[in-house]
Every structure is written in structure tokens, then in C-alpha cells.
PDB file of N, CA and C in Angstrom:
ATOM      1  N   MET A   1       9.217  10.887  -3.697  1.00  0.00           N
ATOM      2  CA  MET A   1      10.601  10.826  -4.059  1.00  0.00           C
ATOM      3  C   MET A   1      11.382  11.684  -3.074  1.00  0.00           C
ATOM      4  N   PRO A   2      12.423  11.133  -2.512  1.00  0.00           N
ATOM      5  CA  PRO A   2      13.205  11.936  -1.577  1.00  0.00           C
ATOM      6  C   PRO A   2      13.924  13.065  -2.305  1.00  0.00           C
ATOM      7  N   PRO A   3      14.067  14.188  -1.646  1.00  0.00           N
ATOM      8  CA  PRO A   3      14.734  15.325  -2.286  1.00  0.00           C
ATOM      9  C   PRO A   3      16.247  15.158  -2.393  1.00  0.00           C
ATOM     10  N   ALA A   4      16.783  14.186  -1.653  1.00  0.00           N
ATOM     11  CA  ALA A   4      18.229  13.958  -1.671  1.00  0.00           C
ATOM     12  C   ALA A   4      18.481  12.462  -1.521  1.00  0.00           C
ATOM     13  N   PRO A   5      19.696  11.992  -1.821  1.00  0.00           N
ATOM     14  CA  PRO A   5      20.008  10.577  -1.644  1.00  0.00           C
ATOM     15  C   PRO A   5      19.777  10.137  -0.193  1.00  0.00           C
ATOM     16  N   ILE A   6      19.409   8.860  -0.017  1.00  0.00           N
ATOM     17  CA  ILE A   6      19.157   8.323   1.315  1.00  0.00           C
ATOM     18  C   ILE A   6      20.193   7.255   1.646  1.00  0.00           C
ATOM     19  N   THR A   7      20.381   6.996   2.925  1.00  0.00           N
ATOM     20  CA  THR A   7      21.246   5.925   3.382  1.00  0.00           C
ATOM     21  C   THR A   7      20.449   4.628   3.362  1.00  0.00           C
ATOM     22  N   TYR A   8      21.024   3.580   2.803  1.00  0.00           N
ATOM     23  CA  TYR A   8      20.338   2.295   2.688  1.00  0.00           C
ATOM     24  C   TYR A   8      21.268   1.210   3.213  1.00  0.00           C
ATOM     25  N   ASP A   9      20.836   0.497   4.252  1.00  0.00           N
ATOM     26  CA  ASP A   9      21.638  -0.548   4.883  1.00  0.00           C
ATOM     27  C   ASP A   9      21.411  -1.868   4.146  1.00  0.00           C
ATOM     28  N   VAL A  10      22.279  -2.175   3.192  1.00  0.00           N
ATOM     29  CA  VAL A  10      22.142  -3.373   2.383  1.00  0.00           C
ATOM     30  C   VAL A  10      22.263  -4.630   3.244  1.00  0.00           C
ATOM     31  N   VAL A  11      23.164  -4.651   4.186  1.00  0.00           N
ATOM     32  CA  VAL A  11      23.367  -5.828   5.031  1.00  0.00           C
ATOM     33  C   VAL A  11      22.097  -6.123   5.835  1.00  0.00           C
ATOM     34  N   MET A  12      21.484  -5.113   6.427  1.00  0.00           N
ATOM     35  CA  MET A  12      20.259  -5.327   7.193  1.00  0.00           C
ATOM     36  C   MET A  12      19.142  -5.835   6.276  1.00  0.00           C
ATOM     37  N   ALA A  13      19.060  -5.315   5.083  1.00  0.00           N
ATOM     38  CA  ALA A  13      18.047  -5.777   4.134  1.00  0.00           C
ATOM     39  C   ALA A  13      18.280  -7.242   3.768  1.00  0.00           C
ATOM     40  N   GLN A  14      19.543  -7.627   3.602  1.00  0.00           N
ATOM     41  CA  GLN A  14      19.859  -9.019   3.299  1.00  0.00           C
ATOM     42  C   GLN A  14      19.510  -9.925   4.472  1.00  0.00           C
ATOM     43  N   ILE A  15      19.826  -9.487   5.689  1.00  0.00           N
ATOM     44  CA  ILE A  15      19.516 -10.284   6.883  1.00  0.00           C
ATOM     45  C   ILE A  15      18.014 -10.522   6.987  1.00  0.00           C
ATOM     46  N   LYS A  16      17.234  -9.499   6.695  1.00  0.00           N
ATOM     47  CA  LYS A  16      15.775  -9.612   6.768  1.00  0.00           C
ATOM     48  C   LYS A  16      15.173 -10.204   5.492  1.00  0.00           C
ATOM     49  N   GLU A  17      16.046 -10.511   4.515  1.00  0.00           N
ATOM     50  CA  GLU A  17      15.620 -11.033   3.224  1.00  0.00           C
ATOM     51  C   GLU A  17      14.562 -10.134   2.594  1.00  0.00           C
ATOM     52  N   ALA A  18      14.795  -8.830   2.679  1.00  0.00           N
ATOM     53  CA  ALA A  18      13.863  -7.850   2.121  1.00  0.00           C
ATOM     54  C   ALA A  18      14.023  -7.774   0.608  1.00  0.00           C
ATOM     55  N   ARG A  19      12.905  -7.576  -0.044  1.00  0.00           N
ATOM     56  CA  ARG A  19      12.921  -7.327  -1.485  1.00  0.00           C
ATOM     57  C   ARG A  19      12.542  -5.863  -1.687  1.00  0.00           C
ATOM     58  N   VAL A  20      13.338  -5.168  -2.458  1.00  0.00           N
ATOM     59  CA  VAL A  20      13.085  -3.752  -2.702  1.00  0.00           C
ATOM     60  C   VAL A  20      12.727  -3.582  -4.171  1.00  0.00           C
ATOM     61  N   GLU A  21      11.595  -2.970  -4.414  1.00  0.00           N
ATOM     62  CA  GLU A  21      11.178  -2.660  -5.776  1.00  0.00           C
ATOM     63  C   GLU A  21      10.983  -1.158  -5.870  1.00  0.00           C
ATOM     64  N   HIS A  22      11.462  -0.594  -6.933  1.00  0.00           N
ATOM     65  CA  HIS A  22      11.300   0.835  -7.153  1.00  0.00           C
ATOM     66  C   HIS A  22      10.275   1.028  -8.257  1.00  0.00           C
ATOM     67  N   VAL A  23       9.234   1.768  -7.941  1.00  0.00           N
ATOM     68  CA  VAL A  23       8.153   1.986  -8.892  1.00  0.00           C
ATOM     69  C   VAL A  23       7.942   3.483  -9.055  1.00  0.00           C
ATOM     70  N   PHE A  24       7.885   3.896 -10.296  1.00  0.00           N
ATOM     71  CA  PHE A  24       7.554   5.283 -10.597  1.00  0.00           C
ATOM     72  C   PHE A  24       6.301   5.237 -11.447  1.00  0.00           C
ATOM     73  N   ARG A  25       5.196   5.665 -10.876  1.00  0.00           N
ATOM     74  CA  ARG A  25       3.932   5.560 -11.606  1.00  0.00           C
ATOM     75  C   ARG A  25       3.670   6.840 -12.393  1.00  0.00           C
ATOM     76  N   TYR A  26       2.967   6.669 -13.451  1.00  0.00           N
ATOM     77  CA  TYR A  26       2.631   7.794 -14.319  1.00  0.00           C
ATOM     78  C   TYR A  26       1.128   8.022 -14.293  1.00  0.00           C
ATOM     79  N   ALA A  27       0.720   9.262 -14.398  1.00  0.00           N
ATOM     80  CA  ALA A  27      -0.689   9.634 -14.305  1.00  0.00           C
ATOM     81  C   ALA A  27      -1.529   8.959 -15.382  1.00  0.00           C
ATOM     82  N   HIS A  28      -0.954   8.700 -16.544  1.00  0.00           N
ATOM     83  CA  HIS A  28      -1.744   8.141 -17.645  1.00  0.00           C
ATOM     84  C   HIS A  28      -2.169   6.688 -17.423  1.00  0.00           C
ATOM     85  N   VAL A  29      -1.658   6.010 -16.405  1.00  0.00           N
ATOM     86  CA  VAL A  29      -2.056   4.621 -16.177  1.00  0.00           C
ATOM     87  C   VAL A  29      -3.331   4.508 -15.336  1.00  0.00           C
ATOM     88  N   PHE A  30      -3.716   5.579 -14.633  1.00  0.00           N
ATOM     89  CA  PHE A  30      -4.885   5.494 -13.773  1.00  0.00           C
ATOM     90  C   PHE A  30      -6.174   5.235 -14.541  1.00  0.00           C
ATOM     91  N   PRO A  31      -6.441   5.922 -15.657  1.00  0.00           N
ATOM     92  CA  PRO A  31      -7.680   5.629 -16.390  1.00  0.00           C
ATOM     93  C   PRO A  31      -7.768   4.162 -16.829  1.00  0.00           C
ATOM     94  N   ARG A  32      -6.656   3.605 -17.282  1.00  0.00           N
ATOM     95  CA  ARG A  32      -6.651   2.200 -17.707  1.00  0.00           C
ATOM     96  C   ARG A  32      -6.957   1.279 -16.528  1.00  0.00           C
ATOM     97  N   CYS A  33      -6.362   1.561 -15.374  1.00  0.00           N
ATOM     98  CA  CYS A  33      -6.620   0.751 -14.179  1.00  0.00           C
ATOM     99  C   CYS A  33      -8.083   0.841 -13.762  1.00  0.00           C
ATOM    100  N   LEU A  34      -8.644   2.034 -13.833  1.00  0.00           N
ATOM    101  CA  LEU A  34     -10.057   2.197 -13.475  1.00  0.00           C
ATOM    102  C   LEU A  34     -10.959   1.411 -14.413  1.00  0.00           C
ATOM    103  N   VAL A  35     -10.626   1.390 -15.699  1.00  0.00           N
ATOM    104  CA  VAL A  35     -11.405   0.599 -16.658  1.00  0.00           C
ATOM    105  C   VAL A  35     -11.303  -0.886 -16.322  1.00  0.00           C
ATOM    106  N   LEU A  36     -10.107  -1.354 -16.028  1.00  0.00           N
ATOM    107  CA  LEU A  36      -9.921  -2.767 -15.673  1.00  0.00           C
ATOM    108  C   LEU A  36     -10.680  -3.126 -14.401  1.00  0.00           C
ATOM    109  N   MET A  37     -10.631  -2.244 -13.410  1.00  0.00           N
ATOM    110  CA  MET A  37     -11.374  -2.493 -12.167  1.00  0.00           C
ATOM    111  C   MET A  37     -12.877  -2.468 -12.425  1.00  0.00           C
ATOM    112  N   GLY A  38     -13.343  -1.504 -13.207  1.00  0.00           N
ATOM    113  CA  GLY A  38     -14.765  -1.376 -13.493  1.00  0.00           C
ATOM    114  C   GLY A  38     -15.326  -2.542 -14.275  1.00  0.00           C
ATOM    115  N   SER A  39     -14.486  -3.151 -15.117  1.00  0.00           N
ATOM    116  CA  SER A  39     -14.931  -4.283 -15.935  1.00  0.00           C
ATOM    117  C   SER A  39     -14.853  -5.605 -15.184  1.00  0.00           C
ATOM    118  N   GLY A  40     -14.232  -5.593 -13.997  1.00  0.00           N
ATOM    119  CA  GLY A  40     -14.081  -6.834 -13.235  1.00  0.00           C
ATOM    120  C   GLY A  40     -12.856  -7.634 -13.612  1.00  0.00           C
ATOM    121  N   GLN A  41     -12.053  -7.144 -14.558  1.00  0.00           N
ATOM    122  CA  GLN A  41     -10.845  -7.856 -14.958  1.00  0.00           C
ATOM    123  C   GLN A  41      -9.737  -7.748 -13.912  1.00  0.00           C
ATOM    124  N   LEU A  42      -9.811  -6.731 -13.088  1.00  0.00           N
ATOM    125  CA  LEU A  42      -8.813  -6.515 -12.041  1.00  0.00           C
ATOM    126  C   LEU A  42      -9.550  -6.397 -10.713  1.00  0.00           C
ATOM    127  N   ASP A  43      -9.385  -7.408  -9.865  1.00  0.00           N
ATOM    128  CA  ASP A  43     -10.057  -7.431  -8.563  1.00  0.00           C
ATOM    129  C   ASP A  43      -9.066  -7.036  -7.474  1.00  0.00           C
ATOM    130  N   VAL A  44      -9.253  -5.858  -6.916  1.00  0.00           N
ATOM    131  CA  VAL A  44      -8.341  -5.383  -5.875  1.00  0.00           C
ATOM    132  C   VAL A  44      -8.860  -5.685  -4.464  1.00  0.00           C
ATOM    133  N   LYS A  45     -10.051  -6.244  -4.353  1.00  0.00           N
ATOM    134  CA  LYS A  45     -10.624  -6.509  -3.029  1.00  0.00           C
ATOM    135  C   LYS A  45      -9.735  -7.389  -2.145  1.00  0.00           C
ATOM    136  N   PRO A  46      -9.037  -8.388  -2.688  1.00  0.00           N
ATOM    137  CA  PRO A  46      -8.158  -9.182  -1.816  1.00  0.00           C
ATOM    138  C   PRO A  46      -7.024  -8.372  -1.183  1.00  0.00           C
ATOM    139  N   LEU A  47      -6.703  -7.213  -1.760  1.00  0.00           N
ATOM    140  CA  LEU A  47      -5.630  -6.385  -1.208  1.00  0.00           C
ATOM    141  C   LEU A  47      -6.089  -5.576  -0.002  1.00  0.00           C
ATOM    142  N   ILE A  48      -7.402  -5.391   0.150  1.00  0.00           N
ATOM    143  CA  ILE A  48      -7.941  -4.646   1.292  1.00  0.00           C
ATOM    144  C   ILE A  48      -8.107  -5.636   2.434  1.00  0.00           C
ATOM    145  N   THR A  49      -7.182  -5.586   3.364  1.00  0.00           N
ATOM    146  CA  THR A  49      -7.173  -6.584   4.438  1.00  0.00           C
ATOM    147  C   THR A  49      -7.884  -6.118   5.698  1.00  0.00           C
ATOM    148  N   GLU A  50      -8.067  -4.815   5.872  1.00  0.00           N
ATOM    149  CA  GLU A  50      -8.795  -4.279   7.025  1.00  0.00           C
ATOM    150  C   GLU A  50      -9.663  -3.123   6.554  1.00  0.00           C
ATOM    151  N   THR A  51     -10.877  -3.060   7.079  1.00  0.00           N
ATOM    152  CA  THR A  51     -11.795  -1.969   6.748  1.00  0.00           C
ATOM    153  C   THR A  51     -12.358  -1.403   8.043  1.00  0.00           C
ATOM    154  N   TYR A  52     -12.316  -0.078   8.165  1.00  0.00           N
ATOM    155  CA  TYR A  52     -12.834   0.620   9.340  1.00  0.00           C
ATOM    156  C   TYR A  52     -13.946   1.574   8.912  1.00  0.00           C
ATOM    157  N   ALA A  53     -14.913   1.749   9.775  1.00  0.00           N
ATOM    158  CA  ALA A  53     -15.948   2.760   9.566  1.00  0.00           C
ATOM    159  C   ALA A  53     -15.328   4.136   9.786  1.00  0.00           C
ATOM    160  N   PHE A  54     -15.907   5.158   9.161  1.00  0.00           N
ATOM    161  CA  PHE A  54     -15.381   6.510   9.304  1.00  0.00           C
ATOM    162  C   PHE A  54     -15.326   6.928  10.777  1.00  0.00           C
ATOM    163  N   ALA A  55     -16.311   6.509  11.543  1.00  0.00           N
ATOM    164  CA  ALA A  55     -16.353   6.856  12.969  1.00  0.00           C
ATOM    165  C   ALA A  55     -15.155   6.275  13.719  1.00  0.00           C
ATOM    166  N   ASP A  56     -14.534   5.241  13.163  1.00  0.00           N
ATOM    167  CA  ASP A  56     -13.384   4.599  13.804  1.00  0.00           C
ATOM    168  C   ASP A  56     -12.063   4.978  13.131  1.00  0.00           C
ATOM    169  N   SER A  57     -12.025   6.142  12.497  1.00  0.00           N
ATOM    170  CA  SER A  57     -10.841   6.571  11.748  1.00  0.00           C
ATOM    171  C   SER A  57      -9.584   6.641  12.607  1.00  0.00           C
ATOM    172  N   ILE A  58      -9.721   7.122  13.823  1.00  0.00           N
ATOM    173  CA  ILE A  58      -8.534   7.226  14.689  1.00  0.00           C
ATOM    174  C   ILE A  58      -7.970   5.843  14.968  1.00  0.00           C
ATOM    175  N   ALA A  59      -8.843   4.886  15.231  1.00  0.00           N
ATOM    176  CA  ALA A  59      -8.392   3.505  15.461  1.00  0.00           C
ATOM    177  C   ALA A  59      -7.719   2.945  14.201  1.00  0.00           C
ATOM    178  N   ALA A  60      -8.249   3.287  13.028  1.00  0.00           N
ATOM    179  CA  ALA A  60      -7.661   2.817  11.775  1.00  0.00           C
ATOM    180  C   ALA A  60      -6.244   3.362  11.602  1.00  0.00           C
ATOM    181  N   PHE A  61      -6.055   4.653  11.876  1.00  0.00           N
ATOM    182  CA  PHE A  61      -4.712   5.231  11.756  1.00  0.00           C
ATOM    183  C   PHE A  61      -3.776   4.663  12.815  1.00  0.00           C
ATOM    184  N   ASP A  62      -4.269   4.433  14.018  1.00  0.00           N
ATOM    185  CA  ASP A  62      -3.443   3.808  15.057  1.00  0.00           C
ATOM    186  C   ASP A  62      -3.021   2.404  14.623  1.00  0.00           C
ATOM    187  N   TYR A  63      -3.941   1.659  14.042  1.00  0.00           N
ATOM    188  CA  TYR A  63      -3.636   0.313  13.555  1.00  0.00           C
ATOM    189  C   TYR A  63      -2.599   0.371  12.429  1.00  0.00           C
ATOM    190  N   ALA A  64      -2.791   1.310  11.502  1.00  0.00           N
ATOM    191  CA  ALA A  64      -1.919   1.405  10.331  1.00  0.00           C
ATOM    192  C   ALA A  64      -0.494   1.823  10.680  1.00  0.00           C
ATOM    193  N   LYS A  65      -0.297   2.421  11.845  1.00  0.00           N
ATOM    194  CA  LYS A  65       1.073   2.799  12.246  1.00  0.00           C
ATOM    195  C   LYS A  65       1.955   1.575  12.433  1.00  0.00           C
ATOM    196  N   PHE A  66       1.380   0.499  12.975  1.00  0.00           N
ATOM    197  CA  PHE A  66       2.138  -0.723  13.261  1.00  0.00           C
ATOM    198  C   PHE A  66       1.318  -1.939  12.848  1.00  0.00           C
ATOM    199  N   PRO A  67       1.068  -2.122  11.549  1.00  0.00           N
ATOM    200  CA  PRO A  67       0.236  -3.237  11.112  1.00  0.00           C
ATOM    201  C   PRO A  67       0.978  -4.572  11.203  1.00  0.00           C
ATOM    202  N   PRO A  68       0.241  -5.670  11.315  1.00  0.00           N
ATOM    203  CA  PRO A  68       0.900  -6.977  11.286  1.00  0.00           C
ATOM    204  C   PRO A  68       1.428  -7.263   9.878  1.00  0.00           C
ATOM    205  N   ALA A  69       2.278  -8.244   9.765  1.00  0.00           N
ATOM    206  CA  ALA A  69       2.876  -8.573   8.465  1.00  0.00           C
ATOM    207  C   ALA A  69       1.835  -9.021   7.447  1.00  0.00           C
ATOM    208  N   THR A  70       0.691  -9.477   7.905  1.00  0.00           N
ATOM    209  CA  THR A  70      -0.359  -9.939   6.994  1.00  0.00           C
ATOM    210  C   THR A  70      -1.204  -8.812   6.432  1.00  0.00           C
ATOM    211  N   SER A  71      -1.024  -7.599   6.924  1.00  0.00           N
ATOM    212  CA  SER A  71      -1.812  -6.462   6.484  1.00  0.00           C
ATOM    213  C   SER A  71      -1.262  -5.902   5.185  1.00  0.00           C
ATOM    214  N   VAL A  72      -2.164  -5.621   4.224  1.00  0.00           N
ATOM    215  CA  VAL A  72      -1.751  -5.041   2.962  1.00  0.00           C
ATOM    216  C   VAL A  72      -2.290  -3.620   2.835  1.00  0.00           C
ATOM    217  N   LYS A  73      -3.593  -3.477   2.974  1.00  0.00           N
ATOM    218  CA  LYS A  73      -4.215  -2.167   2.798  1.00  0.00           C
ATOM    219  C   LYS A  73      -5.301  -1.967   3.853  1.00  0.00           C
ATOM    220  N   VAL A  74      -5.201  -0.868   4.563  1.00  0.00           N
ATOM    221  CA  VAL A  74      -6.216  -0.495   5.553  1.00  0.00           C
ATOM    222  C   VAL A  74      -7.119   0.545   4.893  1.00  0.00           C
ATOM    223  N   GLN A  75      -8.407   0.311   4.951  1.00  0.00           N
ATOM    224  CA  GLN A  75      -9.370   1.180   4.275  1.00  0.00           C
ATOM    225  C   GLN A  75     -10.332   1.791   5.287  1.00  0.00           C
ATOM    226  N   ILE A  76     -10.651   3.060   5.082  1.00  0.00           N
ATOM    227  CA  ILE A  76     -11.682   3.741   5.891  1.00  0.00           C
ATOM    228  C   ILE A  76     -12.869   3.984   4.957  1.00  0.00           C
ATOM    229  N   GLU A  77     -14.015   3.449   5.318  1.00  0.00           N
ATOM    230  CA  GLU A  77     -15.224   3.653   4.521  1.00  0.00           C
ATOM    231  C   GLU A  77     -15.879   4.961   4.868  1.00  0.00           C
ATOM    232  N   LEU A  78     -16.195   5.742   3.860  1.00  0.00           N
ATOM    233  CA  LEU A  78     -16.883   7.012   4.060  1.00  0.00           C
ATOM    234  C   LEU A  78     -18.372   6.840   3.861  1.00  0.00           C
TER     235      LEU A  78
END
């Protein structure tokens, strides 16, 4: 959360047809999500679009700085 109000260019967002969603997550939802993931009811694997070995961590962070539009989540395996 920003400590102060931010400048937001509505016109640029409209030109790019950006959708903005504001989410405030609460700590109490994590246990429920873990149960859903553990039971197989919630499959998050499709969200992991790139996986890097720990030895390639620098390359993973370099990639994540400017990911393609198709990238959702970059993961480093430990």
C-alpha cells in the first residue's frame, strides 16, 4: 500500500484498455487457500508460466524485470 496518494493517468489506462483491480488480502484466507490447493480443488500450476533452477536465479530476475505479456508467474525452484 502506498504511504501517500499516487498519480494515476486515466486517459493512458483507457488508451491501453487496462483493467485495474484493487485487492486487499487478509491473513485469514491463506489457510483456506492452502487447504484448497492441497485437496486438488484449486490448481495454480497453470499460473506458473516460467520456472528457473536456483542456479539460474539471476536470469530469472532479469527475465521478470521485463516479462512478455503471456507471462503470469516466474518461479525459482529451490
